[in-house]
Amino acid sequence: MLLMEKFIAGSDDDMPIGASVVAGFDDNKDFVVEFEFNDYENPKRDYLIRATIEMDEAREMAGRMEKSVLDLPDLLQQNFPKEPKTLPGISDMEKTFQEILDFLLDNGAHYTLKRAKSFAV
């Protein structure tokens, strides 16, 4: 769980495979956007992809947008997904995650991507 975590989007909970996108801050106080994939029938397939922007860079990006760095999770929650669907699927979550990454790049941020089964809390 991230600090100040905001739910951005999630796929239909009734499906055997699900995905979600959240944003917040990690224990180092770096800004994080996370894509989580869950296969409820085969948990060995579960994974997370985490895009991390160091705090100083996140603060600069927020300043360019005339926002506080603490507003970033709310900003993403309010602006994504761009095309909300009633029953979004996995591909919709992947698209939302990619749109957020593009948004971060367009606003001058550099992030690192890591894929893992889980991240230490």
PDB file of N, CA and C in Angstrom:
ATOM      1  N   MET A   1       0.852  -1.183   0.000  1.00  0.00           N
ATOM      2  CA  MET A   1       0.000   0.000   0.000  1.00  0.00           C
ATOM      3  C   MET A   1       0.893   1.240   0.000  1.00  0.00           C
ATOM      4  N   LEU A   2       0.517   2.191  -0.802  1.00  0.00           N
ATOM      5  CA  LEU A   2       1.263   3.440  -0.911  1.00  0.00           C
ATOM      6  C   LEU A   2       0.727   4.463   0.085  1.00  0.00           C
ATOM      7  N   LEU A   3       1.537   5.432   0.436  1.00  0.00           N
ATOM      8  CA  LEU A   3       1.091   6.550   1.262  1.00  0.00           C
ATOM      9  C   LEU A   3       0.217   7.453   0.408  1.00  0.00           C
ATOM     10  N   MET A   4      -0.865   7.935   0.976  1.00  0.00           N
ATOM     11  CA  MET A   4      -1.801   8.814   0.258  1.00  0.00           C
ATOM     12  C   MET A   4      -2.286   8.158  -1.035  1.00  0.00           C
ATOM     13  N   GLU A   5      -2.430   6.841  -1.010  1.00  0.00           N
ATOM     14  CA  GLU A   5      -2.808   6.093  -2.214  1.00  0.00           C
ATOM     15  C   GLU A   5      -4.191   6.491  -2.703  1.00  0.00           C
ATOM     16  N   LYS A   6      -4.277   6.708  -4.013  1.00  0.00           N
ATOM     17  CA  LYS A   6      -5.545   7.016  -4.666  1.00  0.00           C
ATOM     18  C   LYS A   6      -5.808   5.967  -5.738  1.00  0.00           C
ATOM     19  N   PHE A   7      -7.005   5.436  -5.733  1.00  0.00           N
ATOM     20  CA  PHE A   7      -7.440   4.491  -6.752  1.00  0.00           C
ATOM     21  C   PHE A   7      -7.739   5.277  -8.026  1.00  0.00           C
ATOM     22  N   ILE A   8      -7.105   4.896  -9.122  1.00  0.00           N
ATOM     23  CA  ILE A   8      -7.321   5.579 -10.395  1.00  0.00           C
ATOM     24  C   ILE A   8      -8.364   4.834 -11.223  1.00  0.00           C
ATOM     25  N   ALA A   9      -8.172   3.537 -11.389  1.00  0.00           N
ATOM     26  CA  ALA A   9      -9.095   2.745 -12.201  1.00  0.00           C
ATOM     27  C   ALA A   9      -8.905   1.271 -11.892  1.00  0.00           C
ATOM     28  N   GLY A  10      -9.953   0.493 -12.130  1.00  0.00           N
ATOM     29  CA  GLY A  10      -9.868  -0.944 -11.932  1.00  0.00           C
ATOM     30  C   GLY A  10     -10.804  -1.666 -12.873  1.00  0.00           C
ATOM     31  N   SER A  11     -10.443  -2.892 -13.198  1.00  0.00           N
ATOM     32  CA  SER A  11     -11.284  -3.697 -14.081  1.00  0.00           C
ATOM     33  C   SER A  11     -12.446  -4.281 -13.283  1.00  0.00           C
ATOM     34  N   ASP A  12     -13.350  -4.923 -13.978  1.00  0.00           N
ATOM     35  CA  ASP A  12     -14.532  -5.530 -13.377  1.00  0.00           C
ATOM     36  C   ASP A  12     -14.114  -6.581 -12.348  1.00  0.00           C
ATOM     37  N   ASP A  13     -14.579  -6.445 -11.116  1.00  0.00           N
ATOM     38  CA  ASP A  13     -14.208  -7.353 -10.025  1.00  0.00           C
ATOM     39  C   ASP A  13     -14.755  -8.768 -10.190  1.00  0.00           C
ATOM     40  N   ASP A  14     -15.754  -8.950 -11.024  1.00  0.00           N
ATOM     41  CA  ASP A  14     -16.372 -10.265 -11.187  1.00  0.00           C
ATOM     42  C   ASP A  14     -15.639 -11.163 -12.168  1.00  0.00           C
ATOM     43  N   MET A  15     -14.585 -10.676 -12.772  1.00  0.00           N
ATOM     44  CA  MET A  15     -13.844 -11.457 -13.759  1.00  0.00           C
ATOM     45  C   MET A  15     -12.739 -12.265 -13.065  1.00  0.00           C
ATOM     46  N   PRO A  16     -12.319 -13.392 -13.672  1.00  0.00           N
ATOM     47  CA  PRO A  16     -11.264 -14.211 -13.062  1.00  0.00           C
ATOM     48  C   PRO A  16      -9.875 -13.570 -13.119  1.00  0.00           C
ATOM     49  N   ILE A  17      -9.718 -12.575 -13.965  1.00  0.00           N
ATOM     50  CA  ILE A  17      -8.460 -11.833 -14.068  1.00  0.00           C
ATOM     51  C   ILE A  17      -8.796 -10.360 -13.892  1.00  0.00           C
ATOM     52  N   GLY A  18      -8.003  -9.665 -13.094  1.00  0.00           N
ATOM     53  CA  GLY A  18      -8.278  -8.257 -12.844  1.00  0.00           C
ATOM     54  C   GLY A  18      -7.021  -7.417 -12.867  1.00  0.00           C
ATOM     55  N   ALA A  19      -7.227  -6.122 -12.982  1.00  0.00           N
ATOM     56  CA  ALA A  19      -6.109  -5.181 -12.962  1.00  0.00           C
ATOM     57  C   ALA A  19      -6.595  -3.868 -12.375  1.00  0.00           C
ATOM     58  N   SER A  20      -5.649  -3.121 -11.819  1.00  0.00           N
ATOM     59  CA  SER A  20      -5.982  -1.805 -11.278  1.00  0.00           C
ATOM     60  C   SER A  20      -4.780  -0.882 -11.408  1.00  0.00           C
ATOM     61  N   VAL A  21      -5.065   0.409 -11.313  1.00  0.00           N
ATOM     62  CA  VAL A  21      -4.034   1.440 -11.348  1.00  0.00           C
ATOM     63  C   VAL A  21      -4.252   2.331 -10.129  1.00  0.00           C
ATOM     64  N   VAL A  22      -3.182   2.554  -9.367  1.00  0.00           N
ATOM     65  CA  VAL A  22      -3.226   3.433  -8.199  1.00  0.00           C
ATOM     66  C   VAL A  22      -2.035   4.389  -8.252  1.00  0.00           C
ATOM     67  N   ALA A  23      -2.120   5.465  -7.485  1.00  0.00           N
ATOM     68  CA  ALA A  23      -1.013   6.424  -7.397  1.00  0.00           C
ATOM     69  C   ALA A  23      -0.863   6.858  -5.946  1.00  0.00           C
ATOM     70  N   GLY A  24       0.366   7.173  -5.565  1.00  0.00           N
ATOM     71  CA  GLY A  24       0.650   7.625  -4.209  1.00  0.00           C
ATOM     72  C   GLY A  24       2.146   7.791  -4.021  1.00  0.00           C
ATOM     73  N   PHE A  25       2.594   7.616  -2.800  1.00  0.00           N
ATOM     74  CA  PHE A  25       4.004   7.807  -2.469  1.00  0.00           C
ATOM     75  C   PHE A  25       4.534   6.566  -1.760  1.00  0.00           C
ATOM     76  N   ASP A  26       5.767   6.183  -2.095  1.00  0.00           N
ATOM     77  CA  ASP A  26       6.379   5.026  -1.441  1.00  0.00           C
ATOM     78  C   ASP A  26       7.032   5.455  -0.127  1.00  0.00           C
ATOM     79  N   ASP A  27       7.689   4.519   0.532  1.00  0.00           N
ATOM     80  CA  ASP A  27       8.309   4.812   1.829  1.00  0.00           C
ATOM     81  C   ASP A  27       9.447   5.823   1.733  1.00  0.00           C
ATOM     82  N   ASN A  28      10.029   5.985   0.544  1.00  0.00           N
ATOM     83  CA  ASN A  28      11.075   6.996   0.325  1.00  0.00           C
ATOM     84  C   ASN A  28      10.475   8.358  -0.006  1.00  0.00           C
ATOM     85  N   LYS A  29       9.143   8.419  -0.040  1.00  0.00           N
ATOM     86  CA  LYS A  29       8.384   9.624  -0.383  1.00  0.00           C
ATOM     87  C   LYS A  29       8.495   9.980  -1.867  1.00  0.00           C
ATOM     88  N   ASP A  30       8.894   9.010  -2.697  1.00  0.00           N
ATOM     89  CA  ASP A  30       8.898   9.204  -4.145  1.00  0.00           C
ATOM     90  C   ASP A  30       7.480   8.983  -4.662  1.00  0.00           C
ATOM     91  N   PHE A  31       7.128   9.672  -5.745  1.00  0.00           N
ATOM     92  CA  PHE A  31       5.801   9.544  -6.337  1.00  0.00           C
ATOM     93  C   PHE A  31       5.747   8.272  -7.172  1.00  0.00           C
ATOM     94  N   VAL A  32       4.672   7.512  -7.014  1.00  0.00           N
ATOM     95  CA  VAL A  32       4.554   6.206  -7.658  1.00  0.00           C
ATOM     96  C   VAL A  32       3.197   6.063  -8.335  1.00  0.00           C
ATOM     97  N   VAL A  33       3.219   5.496  -9.544  1.00  0.00           N
ATOM     98  CA  VAL A  33       2.003   5.038 -10.214  1.00  0.00           C
ATOM     99  C   VAL A  33       2.191   3.541 -10.406  1.00  0.00           C
ATOM    100  N   GLU A  34       1.187   2.778 -10.004  1.00  0.00           N
ATOM    101  CA  GLU A  34       1.343   1.327  -9.980  1.00  0.00           C
ATOM    102  C   GLU A  34       0.216   0.643 -10.751  1.00  0.00           C
ATOM    103  N   PHE A  35       0.610  -0.299 -11.610  1.00  0.00           N
ATOM    104  CA  PHE A  35      -0.321  -1.167 -12.329  1.00  0.00           C
ATOM    105  C   PHE A  35      -0.240  -2.534 -11.663  1.00  0.00           C
ATOM    106  N   GLU A  36      -1.381  -3.066 -11.243  1.00  0.00           N
ATOM    107  CA  GLU A  36      -1.401  -4.380 -10.602  1.00  0.00           C
ATOM    108  C   GLU A  36      -2.262  -5.335 -11.416  1.00  0.00           C
ATOM    109  N   PHE A  37      -1.702  -6.500 -11.738  1.00  0.00           N
ATOM    110  CA  PHE A  37      -2.396  -7.552 -12.480  1.00  0.00           C
ATOM    111  C   PHE A  37      -2.629  -8.717 -11.530  1.00  0.00           C
ATOM    112  N   ASN A  38      -3.876  -9.200 -11.469  1.00  0.00           N
ATOM    113  CA  ASN A  38      -4.214 -10.333 -10.603  1.00  0.00           C
ATOM    114  C   ASN A  38      -4.962 -11.393 -11.388  1.00  0.00           C
ATOM    115  N   ASP A  39      -4.449 -12.616 -11.331  1.00  0.00           N
ATOM    116  CA  ASP A  39      -5.146 -13.773 -11.885  1.00  0.00           C
ATOM    117  C   ASP A  39      -5.644 -14.553 -10.676  1.00  0.00           C
ATOM    118  N   TYR A  40      -6.921 -14.432 -10.382  1.00  0.00           N
ATOM    119  CA  TYR A  40      -7.471 -15.016  -9.163  1.00  0.00           C
ATOM    120  C   TYR A  40      -7.482 -16.540  -9.198  1.00  0.00           C
ATOM    121  N   GLU A  41      -7.424 -17.120 -10.396  1.00  0.00           N
ATOM    122  CA  GLU A  41      -7.391 -18.577 -10.524  1.00  0.00           C
ATOM    123  C   GLU A  41      -5.966 -19.126 -10.547  1.00  0.00           C
ATOM    124  N   ASN A  42      -4.996 -18.286 -10.862  1.00  0.00           N
ATOM    125  CA  ASN A  42      -3.593 -18.702 -10.923  1.00  0.00           C
ATOM    126  C   ASN A  42      -2.711 -17.558 -10.407  1.00  0.00           C
ATOM    127  N   PRO A  43      -2.626 -17.383  -9.084  1.00  0.00           N
ATOM    128  CA  PRO A  43      -1.877 -16.261  -8.499  1.00  0.00           C
ATOM    129  C   PRO A  43      -0.396 -16.207  -8.880  1.00  0.00           C
ATOM    130  N   LYS A  44       0.152 -17.296  -9.397  1.00  0.00           N
ATOM    131  CA  LYS A  44       1.551 -17.271  -9.834  1.00  0.00           C
ATOM    132  C   LYS A  44       1.757 -16.276 -10.970  1.00  0.00           C
ATOM    133  N   ARG A  45       0.688 -15.930 -11.660  1.00  0.00           N
ATOM    134  CA  ARG A  45       0.776 -14.981 -12.772  1.00  0.00           C
ATOM    135  C   ARG A  45       0.681 -13.522 -12.315  1.00  0.00           C
ATOM    136  N   ASP A  46       0.352 -13.288 -11.053  1.00  0.00           N
ATOM    137  CA  ASP A  46       0.195 -11.920 -10.538  1.00  0.00           C
ATOM    138  C   ASP A  46       1.504 -11.139 -10.651  1.00  0.00           C
ATOM    139  N   TYR A  47       1.383  -9.835 -10.927  1.00  0.00           N
ATOM    140  CA  TYR A  47       2.566  -8.975 -10.954  1.00  0.00           C
ATOM    141  C   TYR A  47       2.161  -7.522 -10.771  1.00  0.00           C
ATOM    142  N   LEU A  48       3.146  -6.707 -10.463  1.00  0.00           N
ATOM    143  CA  LEU A  48       2.993  -5.258 -10.342  1.00  0.00           C
ATOM    144  C   LEU A  48       4.005  -4.592 -11.258  1.00  0.00           C
ATOM    145  N   ILE A  49       3.616  -3.478 -11.850  1.00  0.00           N
ATOM    146  CA  ILE A  49       4.564  -2.614 -12.558  1.00  0.00           C
ATOM    147  C   ILE A  49       4.490  -1.263 -11.865  1.00  0.00           C
ATOM    148  N   ARG A  50       5.631  -0.786 -11.427  1.00  0.00           N
ATOM    149  CA  ARG A  50       5.686   0.465 -10.672  1.00  0.00           C
ATOM    150  C   ARG A  50       6.530   1.489 -11.420  1.00  0.00           C
ATOM    151  N   ALA A  51       5.914   2.641 -11.697  1.00  0.00           N
ATOM    152  CA  ALA A  51       6.635   3.790 -12.253  1.00  0.00           C
ATOM    153  C   ALA A  51       6.929   4.724 -11.081  1.00  0.00           C
ATOM    154  N   THR A  52       8.211   5.003 -10.862  1.00  0.00           N
ATOM    155  CA  THR A  52       8.629   5.814  -9.718  1.00  0.00           C
ATOM    156  C   THR A  52       9.325   7.081 -10.193  1.00  0.00           C
ATOM    157  N   ILE A  53       8.888   8.208  -9.652  1.00  0.00           N
ATOM    158  CA  ILE A  53       9.512   9.506  -9.910  1.00  0.00           C
ATOM    159  C   ILE A  53      10.078   9.993  -8.583  1.00  0.00           C
ATOM    160  N   GLU A  54      11.369  10.279  -8.565  1.00  0.00           N
ATOM    161  CA  GLU A  54      11.990  10.761  -7.328  1.00  0.00           C
ATOM    162  C   GLU A  54      11.298  12.035  -6.858  1.00  0.00           C
ATOM    163  N   MET A  55      11.237  12.208  -5.540  1.00  0.00           N
ATOM    164  CA  MET A  55      10.494  13.317  -4.939  1.00  0.00           C
ATOM    165  C   MET A  55      10.890  14.679  -5.492  1.00  0.00           C
ATOM    166  N   ASP A  56      12.187  14.951  -5.630  1.00  0.00           N
ATOM    167  CA  ASP A  56      12.614  16.260  -6.143  1.00  0.00           C
ATOM    168  C   ASP A  56      12.059  16.505  -7.538  1.00  0.00           C
ATOM    169  N   GLU A  57      12.108  15.486  -8.370  1.00  0.00           N
ATOM    170  CA  GLU A  57      11.594  15.633  -9.730  1.00  0.00           C
ATOM    171  C   GLU A  57      10.073  15.744  -9.740  1.00  0.00           C
ATOM    172  N   ALA A  58       9.404  14.997  -8.883  1.00  0.00           N
ATOM    173  CA  ALA A  58       7.948  15.094  -8.784  1.00  0.00           C
ATOM    174  C   ALA A  58       7.542  16.492  -8.322  1.00  0.00           C
ATOM    175  N   ARG A  59       8.304  17.047  -7.387  1.00  0.00           N
ATOM    176  CA  ARG A  59       8.023  18.403  -6.895  1.00  0.00           C
ATOM    177  C   ARG A  59       8.181  19.427  -8.020  1.00  0.00           C
ATOM    178  N   GLU A  60       9.237  19.275  -8.830  1.00  0.00           N
ATOM    179  CA  GLU A  60       9.442  20.183  -9.971  1.00  0.00           C
ATOM    180  C   GLU A  60       8.299  20.064 -10.972  1.00  0.00           C
ATOM    181  N   MET A  61       7.893  18.839 -11.280  1.00  0.00           N
ATOM    182  CA  MET A  61       6.800  18.629 -12.221  1.00  0.00           C
ATOM    183  C   MET A  61       5.515  19.262 -11.690  1.00  0.00           C
ATOM    184  N   ALA A  62       5.211  19.039 -10.427  1.00  0.00           N
ATOM    185  CA  ALA A  62       4.010  19.616  -9.828  1.00  0.00           C
ATOM    186  C   ALA A  62       4.067  21.141  -9.880  1.00  0.00           C
ATOM    187  N   GLY A  63       5.235  21.710  -9.618  1.00  0.00           N
ATOM    188  CA  GLY A  63       5.401  23.164  -9.681  1.00  0.00           C
ATOM    189  C   GLY A  63       5.119  23.713 -11.067  1.00  0.00           C
ATOM    190  N   ARG A  64       5.569  22.994 -12.105  1.00  0.00           N
ATOM    191  CA  ARG A  64       5.290  23.433 -13.481  1.00  0.00           C
ATOM    192  C   ARG A  64       3.792  23.426 -13.765  1.00  0.00           C
ATOM    193  N   MET A  65       3.062  22.567 -13.067  1.00  0.00           N
ATOM    194  CA  MET A  65       1.606  22.496 -13.237  1.00  0.00           C
ATOM    195  C   MET A  65       0.882  23.384 -12.228  1.00  0.00           C
ATOM    196  N   GLU A  66       1.667  24.144 -11.445  1.00  0.00           N
ATOM    197  CA  GLU A  66       1.127  25.013 -10.400  1.00  0.00           C
ATOM    198  C   GLU A  66       0.303  24.226  -9.386  1.00  0.00           C
ATOM    199  N   LYS A  67       0.844  23.076  -9.002  1.00  0.00           N
ATOM    200  CA  LYS A  67       0.226  22.199  -8.008  1.00  0.00           C
ATOM    201  C   LYS A  67       1.256  21.871  -6.940  1.00  0.00           C
ATOM    202  N   SER A  68       0.780  21.420  -5.809  1.00  0.00           N
ATOM    203  CA  SER A  68       1.663  20.866  -4.782  1.00  0.00           C
ATOM    204  C   SER A  68       1.952  19.417  -5.161  1.00  0.00           C
ATOM    205  N   VAL A  69       3.125  18.931  -4.796  1.00  0.00           N
ATOM    206  CA  VAL A  69       3.452  17.532  -5.080  1.00  0.00           C
ATOM    207  C   VAL A  69       2.427  16.607  -4.418  1.00  0.00           C
ATOM    208  N   LEU A  70       1.872  17.020  -3.289  1.00  0.00           N
ATOM    209  CA  LEU A  70       0.882  16.200  -2.593  1.00  0.00           C
ATOM    210  C   LEU A  70      -0.438  16.109  -3.349  1.00  0.00           C
ATOM    211  N   ASP A  71      -0.637  16.999  -4.328  1.00  0.00           N
ATOM    212  CA  ASP A  71      -1.854  16.978  -5.144  1.00  0.00           C
ATOM    213  C   ASP A  71      -1.780  15.974  -6.292  1.00  0.00           C
ATOM    214  N   LEU A  72      -0.598  15.424  -6.567  1.00  0.00           N
ATOM    215  CA  LEU A  72      -0.439  14.571  -7.749  1.00  0.00           C
ATOM    216  C   LEU A  72      -1.352  13.344  -7.761  1.00  0.00           C
ATOM    217  N   PRO A  73      -1.490  12.593  -6.659  1.00  0.00           N
ATOM    218  CA  PRO A  73      -2.411  11.448  -6.716  1.00  0.00           C
ATOM    219  C   PRO A  73      -3.849  11.868  -7.042  1.00  0.00           C
ATOM    220  N   ASP A  74      -4.312  12.963  -6.423  1.00  0.00           N
ATOM    221  CA  ASP A  74      -5.663  13.466  -6.705  1.00  0.00           C
ATOM    222  C   ASP A  74      -5.794  13.922  -8.151  1.00  0.00           C
ATOM    223  N   LEU A  75      -4.765  14.573  -8.661  1.00  0.00           N
ATOM    224  CA  LEU A  75      -4.774  15.054 -10.043  1.00  0.00           C
ATOM    225  C   LEU A  75      -4.966  13.893 -11.013  1.00  0.00           C
ATOM    226  N   LEU A  76      -4.240  12.806 -10.793  1.00  0.00           N
ATOM    227  CA  LEU A  76      -4.394  11.640 -11.666  1.00  0.00           C
ATOM    228  C   LEU A  76      -5.771  11.012 -11.500  1.00  0.00           C
ATOM    229  N   GLN A  77      -6.245  10.936 -10.268  1.00  0.00           N
ATOM    230  CA  GLN A  77      -7.557  10.343 -10.023  1.00  0.00           C
ATOM    231  C   GLN A  77      -8.663  11.135 -10.728  1.00  0.00           C
ATOM    232  N   GLN A  78      -8.528  12.446 -10.766  1.00  0.00           N
ATOM    233  CA  GLN A  78      -9.543  13.290 -11.388  1.00  0.00           C
ATOM    234  C   GLN A  78      -9.483  13.268 -12.915  1.00  0.00           C
ATOM    235  N   ASN A  79      -8.309  12.995 -13.479  1.00  0.00           N
ATOM    236  CA  ASN A  79      -8.138  13.104 -14.927  1.00  0.00           C
ATOM    237  C   ASN A  79      -8.030  11.785 -15.677  1.00  0.00           C
ATOM    238  N   PHE A  80      -7.975  10.670 -14.979  1.00  0.00           N
ATOM    239  CA  PHE A  80      -7.863   9.370 -15.631  1.00  0.00           C
ATOM    240  C   PHE A  80      -8.856   8.415 -14.988  1.00  0.00           C
ATOM    241  N   PRO A  81      -9.346   7.415 -15.727  1.00  0.00           N
ATOM    242  CA  PRO A  81      -9.106   7.177 -17.140  1.00  0.00           C
ATOM    243  C   PRO A  81      -9.810   8.221 -17.996  1.00  0.00           C
ATOM    244  N   LYS A  82      -9.260   8.439 -19.170  1.00  0.00           N
ATOM    245  CA  LYS A  82      -9.807   9.461 -20.062  1.00  0.00           C
ATOM    246  C   LYS A  82     -11.162   9.046 -20.626  1.00  0.00           C
ATOM    247  N   GLU A  83     -11.342   7.746 -20.866  1.00  0.00           N
ATOM    248  CA  GLU A  83     -12.606   7.243 -21.403  1.00  0.00           C
ATOM    249  C   GLU A  83     -13.167   6.192 -20.449  1.00  0.00           C
ATOM    250  N   PRO A  84     -13.855   6.624 -19.389  1.00  0.00           N
ATOM    251  CA  PRO A  84     -14.368   5.636 -18.437  1.00  0.00           C
ATOM    252  C   PRO A  84     -15.383   4.702 -19.093  1.00  0.00           C
ATOM    253  N   LYS A  85     -15.316   3.442 -18.711  1.00  0.00           N
ATOM    254  CA  LYS A  85     -16.249   2.453 -19.235  1.00  0.00           C
ATOM    255  C   LYS A  85     -17.002   1.835 -18.069  1.00  0.00           C
ATOM    256  N   THR A  86     -18.191   1.317 -18.367  1.00  0.00           N
ATOM    257  CA  THR A  86     -18.990   0.692 -17.328  1.00  0.00           C
ATOM    258  C   THR A  86     -18.324  -0.571 -16.804  1.00  0.00           C
ATOM    259  N   LEU A  87     -17.827  -1.414 -17.711  1.00  0.00           N
ATOM    260  CA  LEU A  87     -17.156  -2.656 -17.327  1.00  0.00           C
ATOM    261  C   LEU A  87     -15.773  -2.707 -17.960  1.00  0.00           C
ATOM    262  N   PRO A  88     -14.830  -1.956 -17.417  1.00  0.00           N
ATOM    263  CA  PRO A  88     -13.498  -1.925 -18.018  1.00  0.00           C
ATOM    264  C   PRO A  88     -12.771  -3.257 -17.857  1.00  0.00           C
ATOM    265  N   GLY A  89     -11.951  -3.577 -18.850  1.00  0.00           N
ATOM    266  CA  GLY A  89     -11.181  -4.811 -18.824  1.00  0.00           C
ATOM    267  C   GLY A  89      -9.704  -4.552 -18.604  1.00  0.00           C
ATOM    268  N   ILE A  90      -8.921  -5.624 -18.718  1.00  0.00           N
ATOM    269  CA  ILE A  90      -7.475  -5.547 -18.511  1.00  0.00           C
ATOM    270  C   ILE A  90      -6.842  -4.565 -19.487  1.00  0.00           C
ATOM    271  N   SER A  91      -7.226  -4.653 -20.763  1.00  0.00           N
ATOM    272  CA  SER A  91      -6.613  -3.765 -21.763  1.00  0.00           C
ATOM    273  C   SER A  91      -6.930  -2.304 -21.467  1.00  0.00           C
ATOM    274  N   ASP A  92      -8.094  -2.031 -20.883  1.00  0.00           N
ATOM    275  CA  ASP A  92      -8.430  -0.654 -20.500  1.00  0.00           C
ATOM    276  C   ASP A  92      -7.509  -0.162 -19.384  1.00  0.00           C
ATOM    277  N   MET A  93      -7.163  -1.049 -18.456  1.00  0.00           N
ATOM    278  CA  MET A  93      -6.254  -0.676 -17.366  1.00  0.00           C
ATOM    279  C   MET A  93      -4.842  -0.453 -17.906  1.00  0.00           C
ATOM    280  N   GLU A  94      -4.412  -1.307 -18.844  1.00  0.00           N
ATOM    281  CA  GLU A  94      -3.101  -1.115 -19.469  1.00  0.00           C
ATOM    282  C   GLU A  94      -3.058   0.218 -20.210  1.00  0.00           C
ATOM    283  N   LYS A  95      -4.156   0.535 -20.898  1.00  0.00           N
ATOM    284  CA  LYS A  95      -4.229   1.801 -21.638  1.00  0.00           C
ATOM    285  C   LYS A  95      -4.184   2.992 -20.672  1.00  0.00           C
ATOM    286  N   THR A  96      -4.917   2.913 -19.581  1.00  0.00           N
ATOM    287  CA  THR A  96      -4.911   3.991 -18.587  1.00  0.00           C
ATOM    288  C   THR A  96      -3.515   4.188 -18.008  1.00  0.00           C
ATOM    289  N   PHE A  97      -2.846   3.086 -17.668  1.00  0.00           N
ATOM    290  CA  PHE A  97      -1.486   3.168 -17.128  1.00  0.00           C
ATOM    291  C   PHE A  97      -0.562   3.842 -18.135  1.00  0.00           C
ATOM    292  N   GLN A  98      -0.659   3.448 -19.406  1.00  0.00           N
ATOM    293  CA  GLN A  98       0.193   4.041 -20.442  1.00  0.00           C
ATOM    294  C   GLN A  98      -0.125   5.522 -20.644  1.00  0.00           C
ATOM    295  N   GLU A  99      -1.400   5.884 -20.607  1.00  0.00           N
ATOM    296  CA  GLU A  99      -1.779   7.296 -20.740  1.00  0.00           C
ATOM    297  C   GLU A  99      -1.194   8.130 -19.601  1.00  0.00           C
ATOM    298  N   ILE A 100      -1.187   7.574 -18.405  1.00  0.00           N
ATOM    299  CA  ILE A 100      -0.601   8.285 -17.264  1.00  0.00           C
ATOM    300  C   ILE A 100       0.901   8.445 -17.457  1.00  0.00           C
ATOM    301  N   LEU A 101       1.574   7.384 -17.903  1.00  0.00           N
ATOM    302  CA  LEU A 101       3.017   7.483 -18.154  1.00  0.00           C
ATOM    303  C   LEU A 101       3.306   8.546 -19.209  1.00  0.00           C
ATOM    304  N   ASP A 102       2.502   8.582 -20.265  1.00  0.00           N
ATOM    305  CA  ASP A 102       2.668   9.609 -21.302  1.00  0.00           C
ATOM    306  C   ASP A 102       2.452  11.005 -20.725  1.00  0.00           C
ATOM    307  N   PHE A 103       1.437  11.156 -19.880  1.00  0.00           N
ATOM    308  CA  PHE A 103       1.150  12.428 -19.224  1.00  0.00           C
ATOM    309  C   PHE A 103       2.346  12.885 -18.383  1.00  0.00           C
ATOM    310  N   LEU A 104       2.941  11.957 -17.635  1.00  0.00           N
ATOM    311  CA  LEU A 104       4.100  12.294 -16.805  1.00  0.00           C
ATOM    312  C   LEU A 104       5.272  12.750 -17.668  1.00  0.00           C
ATOM    313  N   LEU A 105       5.527  12.028 -18.760  1.00  0.00           N
ATOM    314  CA  LEU A 105       6.608  12.424 -19.678  1.00  0.00           C
ATOM    315  C   LEU A 105       6.320  13.779 -20.311  1.00  0.00           C
ATOM    316  N   ASP A 106       5.072  13.983 -20.731  1.00  0.00           N
ATOM    317  CA  ASP A 106       4.693  15.259 -21.351  1.00  0.00           C
ATOM    318  C   ASP A 106       4.886  16.431 -20.396  1.00  0.00           C
ATOM    319  N   ASN A 107       4.832  16.150 -19.098  1.00  0.00           N
ATOM    320  CA  ASN A 107       5.007  17.201 -18.092  1.00  0.00           C
ATOM    321  C   ASN A 107       6.417  17.235 -17.520  1.00  0.00           C
ATOM    322  N   GLY A 108       7.349  16.618 -18.250  1.00  0.00           N
ATOM    323  CA  GLY A 108       8.764  16.751 -17.929  1.00  0.00           C
ATOM    324  C   GLY A 108       9.315  15.812 -16.881  1.00  0.00           C
ATOM    325  N   ALA A 109       8.552  14.815 -16.484  1.00  0.00           N
ATOM    326  CA  ALA A 109       9.039  13.888 -15.457  1.00  0.00           C
ATOM    327  C   ALA A 109       9.775  12.712 -16.085  1.00  0.00           C
ATOM    328  N   HIS A 110      10.723  12.194 -15.357  1.00  0.00           N
ATOM    329  CA  HIS A 110      11.432  10.976 -15.740  1.00  0.00           C
ATOM    330  C   HIS A 110      11.124   9.938 -14.675  1.00  0.00           C
ATOM    331  N   TYR A 111      10.768   8.764 -15.101  1.00  0.00           N
ATOM    332  CA  TYR A 111      10.426   7.719 -14.145  1.00  0.00           C
ATOM    333  C   TYR A 111      11.237   6.462 -14.421  1.00  0.00           C
ATOM    334  N   THR A 112      11.319   5.618 -13.421  1.00  0.00           N
ATOM    335  CA  THR A 112      11.901   4.291 -13.598  1.00  0.00           C
ATOM    336  C   THR A 112      10.762   3.288 -13.488  1.00  0.00           C
ATOM    337  N   LEU A 113      10.809   2.271 -14.328  1.00  0.00           N
ATOM    338  CA  LEU A 113       9.804   1.212 -14.302  1.00  0.00           C
ATOM    339  C   LEU A 113      10.418  -0.045 -13.716  1.00  0.00           C
ATOM    340  N   LYS A 114       9.676  -0.672 -12.814  1.00  0.00           N
ATOM    341  CA  LYS A 114      10.103  -1.951 -12.253  1.00  0.00           C
ATOM    342  C   LYS A 114       8.903  -2.881 -12.235  1.00  0.00           C
ATOM    343  N   ARG A 115       9.167  -4.134 -12.591  1.00  0.00           N
ATOM    344  CA  ARG A 115       8.130  -5.157 -12.544  1.00  0.00           C
ATOM    345  C   ARG A 115       8.537  -6.169 -11.481  1.00  0.00           C
ATOM    346  N   ALA A 116       7.561  -6.575 -10.652  1.00  0.00           N
ATOM    347  CA  ALA A 116       7.854  -7.509  -9.568  1.00  0.00           C
ATOM    348  C   ALA A 116       6.590  -8.259  -9.173  1.00  0.00           C
ATOM    349  N   LYS A 117       6.768  -9.312  -8.392  1.00  0.00           N
ATOM    350  CA  LYS A 117       5.623 -10.026  -7.816  1.00  0.00           C
ATOM    351  C   LYS A 117       4.985  -9.178  -6.717  1.00  0.00           C
ATOM    352  N   SER A 118       5.817  -8.425  -6.013  1.00  0.00           N
ATOM    353  CA  SER A 118       5.337  -7.510  -4.976  1.00  0.00           C
ATOM    354  C   SER A 118       6.473  -6.549  -4.648  1.00  0.00           C
ATOM    355  N   PHE A 119       6.126  -5.479  -3.974  1.00  0.00           N
ATOM    356  CA  PHE A 119       7.129  -4.517  -3.521  1.00  0.00           C
ATOM    357  C   PHE A 119       7.083  -4.483  -2.004  1.00  0.00           C
ATOM    358  N   ALA A 120       8.252  -4.426  -1.386  1.00  0.00           N
ATOM    359  CA  ALA A 120       8.329  -4.397   0.077  1.00  0.00           C
ATOM    360  C   ALA A 120       7.578  -3.192   0.608  1.00  0.00           C
ATOM    361  N   VAL A 121       6.889  -3.414   1.689  1.00  0.00           N
ATOM    362  CA  VAL A 121       6.108  -2.332   2.292  1.00  0.00           C
ATOM    363  C   VAL A 121       6.814  -1.811   3.511  1.00  0.00           C
TER     364      VAL A 121
END
